[in-house]
Amino acid sequence: MSTSSRRKAKKSVITFSLVVEAQEMIVTYQPNWMPDTGHFEFRSPHEPPRRIPISETGYRSYFAPMDEVTAADSPQDYAREVVLASLRSHQNARNDRQLPLF
């Protein structure tokens, strides 16, 4: 692949809206940000940024193996799964810290 072809492929960016737990996020996805790695940015649509399900600050960067992204139905579906997995992980961590009442 020539240098100009790599640059062109690297610059293909997809931006879409994603709603999880009734909260909107703007997601920017760049396939092959690095070799075999895609890059997702999850952002709050508000100014100033507000909390989103995947970040208290309203911004989250996430690197994903391209084979996982392409195995998903779409980048949008992959991004949704990333957010849901993060929420499940966060919920499990909270449950592990909570002491039983009885």
C-alpha atoms as a PDB file:
ATOM      1  CA  MET A   1       0.000   0.000   0.000  1.00  0.00           C
ATOM      2  CA  SER A   2       1.438   3.373  -0.941  1.00  0.00           C
ATOM      3  CA  THR A   3       1.878   6.199   1.569  1.00  0.00           C
ATOM      4  CA  SER A   4      -0.920   8.249   0.010  1.00  0.00           C
ATOM      5  CA  SER A   5      -3.275   5.219   0.138  1.00  0.00           C
ATOM      6  CA  ARG A   6      -2.477   4.675   3.812  1.00  0.00           C
ATOM      7  CA  ARG A   7      -3.139   8.334   4.601  1.00  0.00           C
ATOM      8  CA  LYS A   8      -6.424   8.246   2.734  1.00  0.00           C
ATOM      9  CA  ALA A   9      -7.569   5.057   4.509  1.00  0.00           C
ATOM     10  CA  LYS A  10      -6.469   6.428   7.861  1.00  0.00           C
ATOM     11  CA  LYS A  11      -8.497   9.624   7.456  1.00  0.00           C
ATOM     12  CA  SER A  12     -11.865   7.899   6.934  1.00  0.00           C
ATOM     13  CA  VAL A  13     -13.762   8.999  10.017  1.00  0.00           C
ATOM     14  CA  ILE A  14     -17.321   8.056  10.906  1.00  0.00           C
ATOM     15  CA  THR A  15     -19.315  10.191  13.351  1.00  0.00           C
ATOM     16  CA  PHE A  16     -22.630   9.047  14.776  1.00  0.00           C
ATOM     17  CA  SER A  17     -24.935   9.551  17.730  1.00  0.00           C
ATOM     18  CA  LEU A  18     -25.373   6.774  20.288  1.00  0.00           C
ATOM     19  CA  VAL A  19     -28.014   6.673  23.032  1.00  0.00           C
ATOM     20  CA  VAL A  20     -27.482   4.440  26.066  1.00  0.00           C
ATOM     21  CA  GLU A  21     -29.510   4.718  29.276  1.00  0.00           C
ATOM     22  CA  ALA A  22     -31.419   7.619  27.666  1.00  0.00           C
ATOM     23  CA  GLN A  23     -28.181   9.615  27.412  1.00  0.00           C
ATOM     24  CA  GLU A  24     -26.858  10.737  24.053  1.00  0.00           C
ATOM     25  CA  MET A  25     -23.201  10.556  23.105  1.00  0.00           C
ATOM     26  CA  ILE A  26     -21.425  11.639  19.952  1.00  0.00           C
ATOM     27  CA  VAL A  27     -19.047   8.925  18.772  1.00  0.00           C
ATOM     28  CA  THR A  28     -16.228   9.415  16.323  1.00  0.00           C
ATOM     29  CA  TYR A  29     -14.699   6.254  14.895  1.00  0.00           C
ATOM     30  CA  GLN A  30     -11.519   6.068  12.860  1.00  0.00           C
ATOM     31  CA  PRO A  31     -10.701   2.626  11.470  1.00  0.00           C
ATOM     32  CA  ASN A  32      -7.029   1.710  11.250  1.00  0.00           C
ATOM     33  CA  TRP A  33      -5.971   4.630  13.411  1.00  0.00           C
ATOM     34  CA  MET A  34      -2.885   2.509  13.977  1.00  0.00           C
ATOM     35  CA  PRO A  35      -2.184  -0.773  12.177  1.00  0.00           C
ATOM     36  CA  ASP A  36      -4.939  -3.252  13.092  1.00  0.00           C
ATOM     37  CA  THR A  37      -6.376  -0.798  15.651  1.00  0.00           C
ATOM     38  CA  GLY A  38      -9.431   1.410  15.413  1.00  0.00           C
ATOM     39  CA  HIS A  39     -10.043   4.462  17.592  1.00  0.00           C
ATOM     40  CA  PHE A  40     -13.349   5.516  19.129  1.00  0.00           C
ATOM     41  CA  GLU A  41     -13.987   8.827  20.866  1.00  0.00           C
ATOM     42  CA  PHE A  42     -17.116   9.107  22.999  1.00  0.00           C
ATOM     43  CA  ARG A  43     -18.149  12.713  23.714  1.00  0.00           C
ATOM     44  CA  SER A  44     -20.904  14.590  25.435  1.00  0.00           C
ATOM     45  CA  PRO A  45     -23.067  16.524  22.962  1.00  0.00           C
ATOM     46  CA  HIS A  46     -23.358  19.379  25.469  1.00  0.00           C
ATOM     47  CA  GLU A  47     -21.294  22.532  26.016  1.00  0.00           C
ATOM     48  CA  PRO A  48     -19.819  22.442  28.552  1.00  0.00           C
ATOM     49  CA  PRO A  49     -19.509  18.646  28.437  1.00  0.00           C
ATOM     50  CA  ARG A  50     -21.690  16.655  30.821  1.00  0.00           C
ATOM     51  CA  ARG A  51     -21.322  13.142  32.176  1.00  0.00           C
ATOM     52  CA  ILE A  52     -21.964  10.335  29.692  1.00  0.00           C
ATOM     53  CA  PRO A  53     -22.493   6.673  30.611  1.00  0.00           C
ATOM     54  CA  ILE A  54     -18.875   5.789  29.823  1.00  0.00           C
ATOM     55  CA  SER A  55     -17.205   8.864  31.390  1.00  0.00           C
ATOM     56  CA  GLU A  56     -17.761  11.303  34.223  1.00  0.00           C
ATOM     57  CA  THR A  57     -15.901  14.012  32.272  1.00  0.00           C
ATOM     58  CA  GLY A  58     -17.929  13.662  29.074  1.00  0.00           C
ATOM     59  CA  TYR A  59     -15.026  12.273  27.032  1.00  0.00           C
ATOM     60  CA  ARG A  60     -13.600   8.784  26.589  1.00  0.00           C
ATOM     61  CA  SER A  61     -11.035   7.473  24.134  1.00  0.00           C
ATOM     62  CA  TYR A  62     -11.091   3.787  23.296  1.00  0.00           C
ATOM     63  CA  PHE A  63      -8.770   1.711  21.088  1.00  0.00           C
ATOM     64  CA  ALA A  64     -10.170  -1.471  19.561  1.00  0.00           C
ATOM     65  CA  PRO A  65      -8.682  -4.347  17.582  1.00  0.00           C
ATOM     66  CA  MET A  66      -9.899  -4.014  13.983  1.00  0.00           C
ATOM     67  CA  ASP A  67     -10.803  -7.708  13.805  1.00  0.00           C
ATOM     68  CA  GLU A  68     -13.278  -7.204  16.686  1.00  0.00           C
ATOM     69  CA  VAL A  69     -14.792  -4.099  15.091  1.00  0.00           C
ATOM     70  CA  THR A  70     -15.202  -5.770  11.707  1.00  0.00           C
ATOM     71  CA  ALA A  71     -16.707  -8.867  13.363  1.00  0.00           C
ATOM     72  CA  ALA A  72     -19.500  -6.680  14.778  1.00  0.00           C
ATOM     73  CA  ASP A  73     -22.520  -5.827  12.623  1.00  0.00           C
ATOM     74  CA  SER A  74     -21.324  -2.215  12.405  1.00  0.00           C
ATOM     75  CA  PRO A  75     -19.030   0.261  14.187  1.00  0.00           C
ATOM     76  CA  GLN A  76     -22.172   1.613  15.855  1.00  0.00           C
ATOM     77  CA  ASP A  77     -23.018  -1.817  17.280  1.00  0.00           C
ATOM     78  CA  TYR A  78     -19.433  -2.267  18.441  1.00  0.00           C
ATOM     79  CA  ALA A  79     -19.464   1.140  20.175  1.00  0.00           C
ATOM     80  CA  ARG A  80     -22.748   0.281  21.916  1.00  0.00           C
ATOM     81  CA  GLU A  81     -21.242  -2.996  23.168  1.00  0.00           C
ATOM     82  CA  VAL A  82     -18.186  -1.121  24.487  1.00  0.00           C
ATOM     83  CA  VAL A  83     -20.445   1.189  26.497  1.00  0.00           C
ATOM     84  CA  LEU A  84     -22.652  -1.636  27.787  1.00  0.00           C
ATOM     85  CA  ALA A  85     -19.613  -3.718  28.789  1.00  0.00           C
ATOM     86  CA  SER A  86     -18.203  -0.726  30.653  1.00  0.00           C
ATOM     87  CA  LEU A  87     -21.490  -0.231  32.493  1.00  0.00           C
ATOM     88  CA  ARG A  88     -21.669  -3.930  33.440  1.00  0.00           C
ATOM     89  CA  SER A  89     -18.070  -3.854  34.655  1.00  0.00           C
ATOM     90  CA  HIS A  90     -18.695  -0.714  36.686  1.00  0.00           C
ATOM     91  CA  GLN A  91     -21.875  -2.215  38.192  1.00  0.00           C
ATOM     92  CA  ASN A  92     -20.059  -5.453  39.105  1.00  0.00           C
ATOM     93  CA  ALA A  93     -17.248  -3.482  40.766  1.00  0.00           C
ATOM     94  CA  ARG A  94     -19.788  -1.578  42.872  1.00  0.00           C
ATOM     95  CA  ASN A  95     -21.550  -4.805  43.848  1.00  0.00           C
ATOM     96  CA  ASP A  96     -18.241  -6.405  44.870  1.00  0.00           C
ATOM     97  CA  ARG A  97     -17.472  -3.501  47.233  1.00  0.00           C
ATOM     98  CA  GLN A  98     -20.869  -3.516  48.905  1.00  0.00           C
ATOM     99  CA  LEU A  99     -20.924  -5.541  52.100  1.00  0.00           C
ATOM    100  CA  PRO A 100     -23.865  -7.858  52.728  1.00  0.00           C
ATOM    101  CA  LEU A 101     -26.435  -6.557  55.188  1.00  0.00           C
ATOM    102  CA  PHE A 102     -27.014  -9.905  56.867  1.00  0.00           C
END
